[in-house]
Each structure stands twice: as structure tokens, then as C-alpha cells.
PDB file of N, CA and C in Angstrom:
ATOM      1  N   MET A   1       0.848  -1.176   0.000  1.00  0.00           N
ATOM      2  CA  MET A   1       0.000   0.000   0.000  1.00  0.00           C
ATOM      3  C   MET A   1       0.893   1.239   0.000  1.00  0.00           C
ATOM      4  N   ASN A   2       0.465   2.228  -0.693  1.00  0.00           N
ATOM      5  CA  ASN A   2       1.163   3.506  -0.769  1.00  0.00           C
ATOM      6  C   ASN A   2       0.992   4.251   0.563  1.00  0.00           C
ATOM      7  N   PRO A   3       2.054   4.853   1.103  1.00  0.00           N
ATOM      8  CA  PRO A   3       1.922   5.588   2.372  1.00  0.00           C
ATOM      9  C   PRO A   3       0.880   6.706   2.316  1.00  0.00           C
ATOM     10  N   ASN A   4       0.797   7.405   1.184  1.00  0.00           N
ATOM     11  CA  ASN A   4      -0.218   8.450   1.071  1.00  0.00           C
ATOM     12  C   ASN A   4      -1.615   7.854   1.118  1.00  0.00           C
ATOM     13  N   ARG A   5      -1.789   6.694   0.513  1.00  0.00           N
ATOM     14  CA  ARG A   5      -3.101   6.045   0.551  1.00  0.00           C
ATOM     15  C   ARG A   5      -3.431   5.628   1.981  1.00  0.00           C
ATOM     16  N   ALA A   6      -2.442   5.089   2.697  1.00  0.00           N
ATOM     17  CA  ALA A   6      -2.663   4.720   4.095  1.00  0.00           C
ATOM     18  C   ALA A   6      -3.028   5.956   4.910  1.00  0.00           C
ATOM     19  N   TYR A   7      -2.426   7.079   4.573  1.00  0.00           N
ATOM     20  CA  TYR A   7      -2.698   8.331   5.272  1.00  0.00           C
ATOM     21  C   TYR A   7      -4.090   8.856   4.951  1.00  0.00           C
ATOM     22  N   TYR A   8      -4.487   8.801   3.687  1.00  0.00           N
ATOM     23  CA  TYR A   8      -5.768   9.377   3.295  1.00  0.00           C
ATOM     24  C   TYR A   8      -6.966   8.472   3.564  1.00  0.00           C
ATOM     25  N   VAL A   9      -6.729   7.235   3.944  1.00  0.00           N
ATOM     26  CA  VAL A   9      -7.829   6.353   4.337  1.00  0.00           C
ATOM     27  C   VAL A   9      -8.357   6.772   5.705  1.00  0.00           C
ATOM     28  N   LEU A  10      -7.524   7.379   6.504  1.00  0.00           N
ATOM     29  CA  LEU A  10      -7.861   7.687   7.892  1.00  0.00           C
ATOM     30  C   LEU A  10      -8.449   9.055   8.192  1.00  0.00           C
ATOM     31  N   PRO A  11      -8.620  10.001   7.248  1.00  0.00           N
ATOM     32  CA  PRO A  11      -9.055  11.344   7.631  1.00  0.00           C
ATOM     33  C   PRO A  11     -10.298  11.434   8.502  1.00  0.00           C
ATOM     34  N   PRO A  12     -11.352  10.641   8.272  1.00  0.00           N
ATOM     35  CA  PRO A  12     -12.496  10.786   9.192  1.00  0.00           C
ATOM     36  C   PRO A  12     -12.093  10.492  10.639  1.00  0.00           C
ATOM     37  N   LEU A  13     -11.234   9.513  10.815  1.00  0.00           N
ATOM     38  CA  LEU A  13     -10.775   9.171  12.150  1.00  0.00           C
ATOM     39  C   LEU A  13      -9.859  10.264  12.693  1.00  0.00           C
ATOM     40  N   MET A  14      -9.021  10.812  11.833  1.00  0.00           N
ATOM     41  CA  MET A  14      -8.089  11.845  12.275  1.00  0.00           C
ATOM     42  C   MET A  14      -8.794  13.166  12.564  1.00  0.00           C
ATOM     43  N   LYS A  15      -9.921  13.427  11.936  1.00  0.00           N
ATOM     44  CA  LYS A  15     -10.656  14.659  12.189  1.00  0.00           C
ATOM     45  C   LYS A  15     -11.623  14.528  13.361  1.00  0.00           C
ATOM     46  N   SER A  16     -11.824  13.318  13.822  1.00  0.00           N
ATOM     47  CA  SER A  16     -12.770  13.068  14.897  1.00  0.00           C
ATOM     48  C   SER A  16     -12.337  13.755  16.186  1.00  0.00           C
ATOM     49  N   GLN A  17     -13.264  14.412  16.835  1.00  0.00           N
ATOM     50  CA  GLN A  17     -12.984  15.073  18.109  1.00  0.00           C
ATOM     51  C   GLN A  17     -12.969  14.070  19.256  1.00  0.00           C
ATOM     52  N   SER A  18     -13.543  12.881  19.040  1.00  0.00           N
ATOM     53  CA  SER A  18     -13.592  11.890  20.112  1.00  0.00           C
ATOM     54  C   SER A  18     -12.270  11.137  20.271  1.00  0.00           C
ATOM     55  N   VAL A  19     -11.407  11.197  19.260  1.00  0.00           N
ATOM     56  CA  VAL A  19     -10.096  10.561  19.353  1.00  0.00           C
ATOM     57  C   VAL A  19      -9.090  11.646  19.724  1.00  0.00           C
ATOM     58  N   LEU A  20      -8.423  11.461  20.849  1.00  0.00           N
ATOM     59  CA  LEU A  20      -7.474  12.463  21.329  1.00  0.00           C
ATOM     60  C   LEU A  20      -6.147  12.372  20.580  1.00  0.00           C
ATOM     61  N   GLY A  21      -5.316  13.384  20.734  1.00  0.00           N
ATOM     62  CA  GLY A  21      -4.029  13.461  20.044  1.00  0.00           C
ATOM     63  C   GLY A  21      -3.148  12.252  20.294  1.00  0.00           C
ATOM     64  N   ALA A  22      -3.144  11.743  21.524  1.00  0.00           N
ATOM     65  CA  ALA A  22      -2.307  10.582  21.849  1.00  0.00           C
ATOM     66  C   ALA A  22      -2.772   9.350  21.073  1.00  0.00           C
ATOM     67  N   GLY A  23      -4.070   9.199  20.929  1.00  0.00           N
ATOM     68  CA  GLY A  23      -4.605   8.077  20.157  1.00  0.00           C
ATOM     69  C   GLY A  23      -4.283   8.202  18.678  1.00  0.00           C
ATOM     70  N   LYS A  24      -4.357   9.425  18.172  1.00  0.00           N
ATOM     71  CA  LYS A  24      -4.037   9.661  16.762  1.00  0.00           C
ATOM     72  C   LYS A  24      -2.559   9.421  16.509  1.00  0.00           C
ATOM     73  N   LEU A  25      -1.719   9.826  17.453  1.00  0.00           N
ATOM     74  CA  LEU A  25      -0.282   9.602  17.314  1.00  0.00           C
ATOM     75  C   LEU A  25       0.021   8.105  17.314  1.00  0.00           C
ATOM     76  N   LYS A  26      -0.668   7.363  18.145  1.00  0.00           N
ATOM     77  CA  LYS A  26      -0.479   5.912  18.184  1.00  0.00           C
ATOM     78  C   LYS A  26      -0.889   5.275  16.859  1.00  0.00           C
ATOM     79  N   ILE A  27      -1.970   5.762  16.267  1.00  0.00           N
ATOM     80  CA  ILE A  27      -2.408   5.271  14.961  1.00  0.00           C
ATOM     81  C   ILE A  27      -1.335   5.549  13.918  1.00  0.00           C
ATOM     82  N   CYS A  28      -0.760   6.737  13.958  1.00  0.00           N
ATOM     83  CA  CYS A  28       0.306   7.086  12.999  1.00  0.00           C
ATOM     84  C   CYS A  28       1.509   6.179  13.154  1.00  0.00           C
ATOM     85  N   LYS A  29       1.881   5.910  14.391  1.00  0.00           N
ATOM     86  CA  LYS A  29       3.065   5.085  14.625  1.00  0.00           C
ATOM     87  C   LYS A  29       2.827   3.619  14.281  1.00  0.00           C
ATOM     88  N   THR A  30       1.590   3.128  14.424  1.00  0.00           N
ATOM     89  CA  THR A  30       1.333   1.710  14.185  1.00  0.00           C
ATOM     90  C   THR A  30       0.792   1.418  12.795  1.00  0.00           C
ATOM     91  N   TRP A  31       0.267   2.407  12.094  1.00  0.00           N
ATOM     92  CA  TRP A  31      -0.341   2.153  10.794  1.00  0.00           C
ATOM     93  C   TRP A  31       0.390   2.859   9.646  1.00  0.00           C
ATOM     94  N   ILE A  32       0.580   4.138   9.766  1.00  0.00           N
ATOM     95  CA  ILE A  32       1.109   4.912   8.644  1.00  0.00           C
ATOM     96  C   ILE A  32       2.628   4.783   8.530  1.00  0.00           C
ATOM     97  N   ARG A  33       3.342   4.937   9.641  1.00  0.00           N
ATOM     98  CA  ARG A  33       4.811   4.866   9.583  1.00  0.00           C
ATOM     99  C   ARG A  33       5.306   3.508   9.086  1.00  0.00           C
ATOM    100  N   PRO A  34       4.769   2.367   9.558  1.00  0.00           N
ATOM    101  CA  PRO A  34       5.251   1.090   9.030  1.00  0.00           C
ATOM    102  C   PRO A  34       4.999   0.922   7.528  1.00  0.00           C
ATOM    103  N   VAL A  35       3.885   1.442   7.039  1.00  0.00           N
ATOM    104  CA  VAL A  35       3.613   1.357   5.599  1.00  0.00           C
ATOM    105  C   VAL A  35       4.663   2.158   4.834  1.00  0.00           C
ATOM    106  N   ALA A  36       4.978   3.343   5.317  1.00  0.00           N
ATOM    107  CA  ALA A  36       5.979   4.172   4.646  1.00  0.00           C
ATOM    108  C   ALA A  36       7.353   3.515   4.704  1.00  0.00           C
ATOM    109  N   MET A  37       7.705   2.947   5.838  1.00  0.00           N
ATOM    110  CA  MET A  37       9.018   2.317   5.969  1.00  0.00           C
ATOM    111  C   MET A  37       9.113   1.037   5.151  1.00  0.00           C
ATOM    112  N   TYR A  38       8.026   0.303   5.028  1.00  0.00           N
ATOM    113  CA  TYR A  38       8.041  -0.912   4.219  1.00  0.00           C
ATOM    114  C   TYR A  38       8.298  -0.564   2.759  1.00  0.00           C
ATOM    115  N   ARG A  39       7.662   0.497   2.277  1.00  0.00           N
ATOM    116  CA  ARG A  39       7.877   0.932   0.896  1.00  0.00           C
ATOM    117  C   ARG A  39       9.307   1.425   0.699  1.00  0.00           C
ATOM    118  N   ALA A  40       9.882   2.056   1.700  1.00  0.00           N
ATOM    119  CA  ALA A  40      11.211   2.639   1.570  1.00  0.00           C
ATOM    120  C   ALA A  40      12.319   1.624   1.841  1.00  0.00           C
ATOM    121  N   GLU A  41      11.942   0.428   2.277  1.00  0.00           N
ATOM    122  CA  GLU A  41      12.915  -0.578   2.672  1.00  0.00           C
ATOM    123  C   GLU A  41      13.883  -0.950   1.547  1.00  0.00           C
ATOM    124  N   SER A  42      13.399  -0.988   0.336  1.00  0.00           N
ATOM    125  CA  SER A  42      14.237  -1.424  -0.778  1.00  0.00           C
ATOM    126  C   SER A  42      14.941  -0.255  -1.484  1.00  0.00           C
ATOM    127  N   TRP A  43      14.682   0.954  -1.056  1.00  0.00           N
ATOM    128  CA  TRP A  43      15.317   2.108  -1.679  1.00  0.00           C
ATOM    129  C   TRP A  43      16.735   2.280  -1.148  1.00  0.00           C
ATOM    130  N   THR A  44      17.589   2.824  -1.981  1.00  0.00           N
ATOM    131  CA  THR A  44      18.901   3.247  -1.517  1.00  0.00           C
ATOM    132  C   THR A  44      18.700   4.613  -0.882  1.00  0.00           C
ATOM    133  N   LEU A  45      18.959   4.671   0.404  1.00  0.00           N
ATOM    134  CA  LEU A  45      18.686   5.908   1.134  1.00  0.00           C
ATOM    135  C   LEU A  45      19.728   6.968   0.777  1.00  0.00           C
ATOM    136  N   ASN A  46      19.245   8.090   0.293  1.00  0.00           N
ATOM    137  CA  ASN A  46      20.105   9.237   0.040  1.00  0.00           C
ATOM    138  C   ASN A  46      19.432  10.466   0.647  1.00  0.00           C
ATOM    139  N   LYS A  47      20.045  11.615   0.494  1.00  0.00           N
ATOM    140  CA  LYS A  47      19.517  12.826   1.138  1.00  0.00           C
ATOM    141  C   LYS A  47      18.119  13.174   0.644  1.00  0.00           C
ATOM    142  N   ASP A  48      17.868  13.017  -0.644  1.00  0.00           N
ATOM    143  CA  ASP A  48      16.558  13.363  -1.197  1.00  0.00           C
ATOM    144  C   ASP A  48      15.455  12.479  -0.631  1.00  0.00           C
ATOM    145  N   ILE A  49      15.706  11.195  -0.569  1.00  0.00           N
ATOM    146  CA  ILE A  49      14.697  10.271  -0.046  1.00  0.00           C
ATOM    147  C   ILE A  49      14.494  10.502   1.448  1.00  0.00           C
ATOM    148  N   ALA A  50      15.567  10.742   2.175  1.00  0.00           N
ATOM    149  CA  ALA A  50      15.448  11.028   3.604  1.00  0.00           C
ATOM    150  C   ALA A  50      14.615  12.289   3.837  1.00  0.00           C
ATOM    151  N   LYS A  51      14.814  13.308   2.993  1.00  0.00           N
ATOM    152  CA  LYS A  51      14.014  14.533   3.106  1.00  0.00           C
ATOM    153  C   LYS A  51      12.545  14.258   2.803  1.00  0.00           C
ATOM    154  N   GLN A  52      12.269  13.437   1.795  1.00  0.00           N
ATOM    155  CA  GLN A  52      10.891  13.114   1.444  1.00  0.00           C
ATOM    156  C   GLN A  52      10.206  12.353   2.574  1.00  0.00           C
ATOM    157  N   LEU A  53      10.890  11.390   3.174  1.00  0.00           N
ATOM    158  CA  LEU A  53      10.309  10.643   4.287  1.00  0.00           C
ATOM    159  C   LEU A  53      10.055  11.552   5.485  1.00  0.00           C
ATOM    160  N   ALA A  54      10.995  12.434   5.773  1.00  0.00           N
ATOM    161  CA  ALA A  54      10.829  13.367   6.891  1.00  0.00           C
ATOM    162  C   ALA A  54       9.669  14.331   6.629  1.00  0.00           C
ATOM    163  N   ALA A  55       9.548  14.804   5.394  1.00  0.00           N
ATOM    164  CA  ALA A  55       8.445  15.713   5.046  1.00  0.00           C
ATOM    165  C   ALA A  55       7.104  15.007   5.165  1.00  0.00           C
ATOM    166  N   PHE A  56       7.041  13.751   4.735  1.00  0.00           N
ATOM    167  CA  PHE A  56       5.800  12.990   4.856  1.00  0.00           C
ATOM    168  C   PHE A  56       5.412  12.815   6.321  1.00  0.00           C
ATOM    169  N   GLU A  57       6.386  12.478   7.157  1.00  0.00           N
ATOM    170  CA  GLU A  57       6.082  12.300   8.573  1.00  0.00           C
ATOM    171  C   GLU A  57       5.623  13.607   9.209  1.00  0.00           C
ATOM    172  N   ARG A  58       6.258  14.719   8.843  1.00  0.00           N
ATOM    173  CA  ARG A  58       5.820  16.021   9.371  1.00  0.00           C
ATOM    174  C   ARG A  58       4.401  16.351   8.922  1.00  0.00           C
ATOM    175  N   LYS A  59       4.063  16.008   7.676  1.00  0.00           N
ATOM    176  CA  LYS A  59       2.711  16.261   7.174  1.00  0.00           C
ATOM    177  C   LYS A  59       1.685  15.483   7.997  1.00  0.00           C
ATOM    178  N   VAL A  60       1.998  14.242   8.292  1.00  0.00           N
ATOM    179  CA  VAL A  60       1.085  13.421   9.086  1.00  0.00           C
ATOM    180  C   VAL A  60       0.960  13.971  10.496  1.00  0.00           C
ATOM    181  N   LEU A  61       2.078  14.354  11.099  1.00  0.00           N
ATOM    182  CA  LEU A  61       2.026  14.884  12.461  1.00  0.00           C
ATOM    183  C   LEU A  61       1.279  16.211  12.530  1.00  0.00           C
ATOM    184  N   ARG A  62       1.424  17.043  11.497  1.00  0.00           N
ATOM    185  CA  ARG A  62       0.634  18.283  11.457  1.00  0.00           C
ATOM    186  C   ARG A  62      -0.851  17.944  11.452  1.00  0.00           C
ATOM    187  N   ARG A  63      -1.221  16.940  10.697  1.00  0.00           N
ATOM    188  CA  ARG A  63      -2.629  16.548  10.602  1.00  0.00           C
ATOM    189  C   ARG A  63      -3.132  16.043  11.961  1.00  0.00           C
ATOM    190  N   VAL A  64      -2.268  15.328  12.669  1.00  0.00           N
ATOM    191  CA  VAL A  64      -2.658  14.786  13.976  1.00  0.00           C
ATOM    192  C   VAL A  64      -2.874  15.901  14.986  1.00  0.00           C
ATOM    193  N   PHE A  65      -1.931  16.820  15.075  1.00  0.00           N
ATOM    194  CA  PHE A  65      -1.996  17.810  16.158  1.00  0.00           C
ATOM    195  C   PHE A  65      -2.756  19.076  15.823  1.00  0.00           C
ATOM    196  N   TRP A  66      -2.862  19.435  14.547  1.00  0.00           N
ATOM    197  CA  TRP A  66      -3.572  20.666  14.187  1.00  0.00           C
ATOM    198  C   TRP A  66      -4.789  20.433  13.320  1.00  0.00           C
ATOM    199  N   GLY A  67      -4.982  19.228  12.850  1.00  0.00           N
ATOM    200  CA  GLY A  67      -6.199  18.907  12.109  1.00  0.00           C
ATOM    201  C   GLY A  67      -6.293  19.521  10.724  1.00  0.00           C
ATOM    202  N   ASN A  68      -5.192  19.932  10.136  1.00  0.00           N
ATOM    203  CA  ASN A  68      -5.216  20.538   8.792  1.00  0.00           C
ATOM    204  C   ASN A  68      -5.269  19.492   7.724  1.00  0.00           C
TER     205      ASN A  68
END
């Protein structure tokens, strides 16, 4: 599965007011991050790919804590 697809499957859950930030962070760590790392496992890690992975993680964390 594509990490962006894993991320965009969850928006109703991520926008929910009944799920607190800690729960959303746990979802990110157990669902989205492993999908992204599995896809990146076979890549040769260089600065560009490391920046892309870091940017993706920041995008997800922004969504968790600020709901954007």
C-alpha cells in the first residue's frame, strides 16, 4: 500500500474530536509509519529520499496535532 493512501484512508478518524491526540499519534506510529518504511525498505537511502520521508512524517504529524 502507498503511504499516502494509508494516510488518506484515515481522515475521518483523524478529524474526529472523540479521538485524542495521543490516540491519533499511536495510529500514525502503528499504521502509517510502518507502511511508509516498508515501501522505503528497498530504496537506496540518500539525502533526497530522507528529506521526502521526513516531510511525509511532518505532514502526518501536522494533521494529527492541528487537524489541517
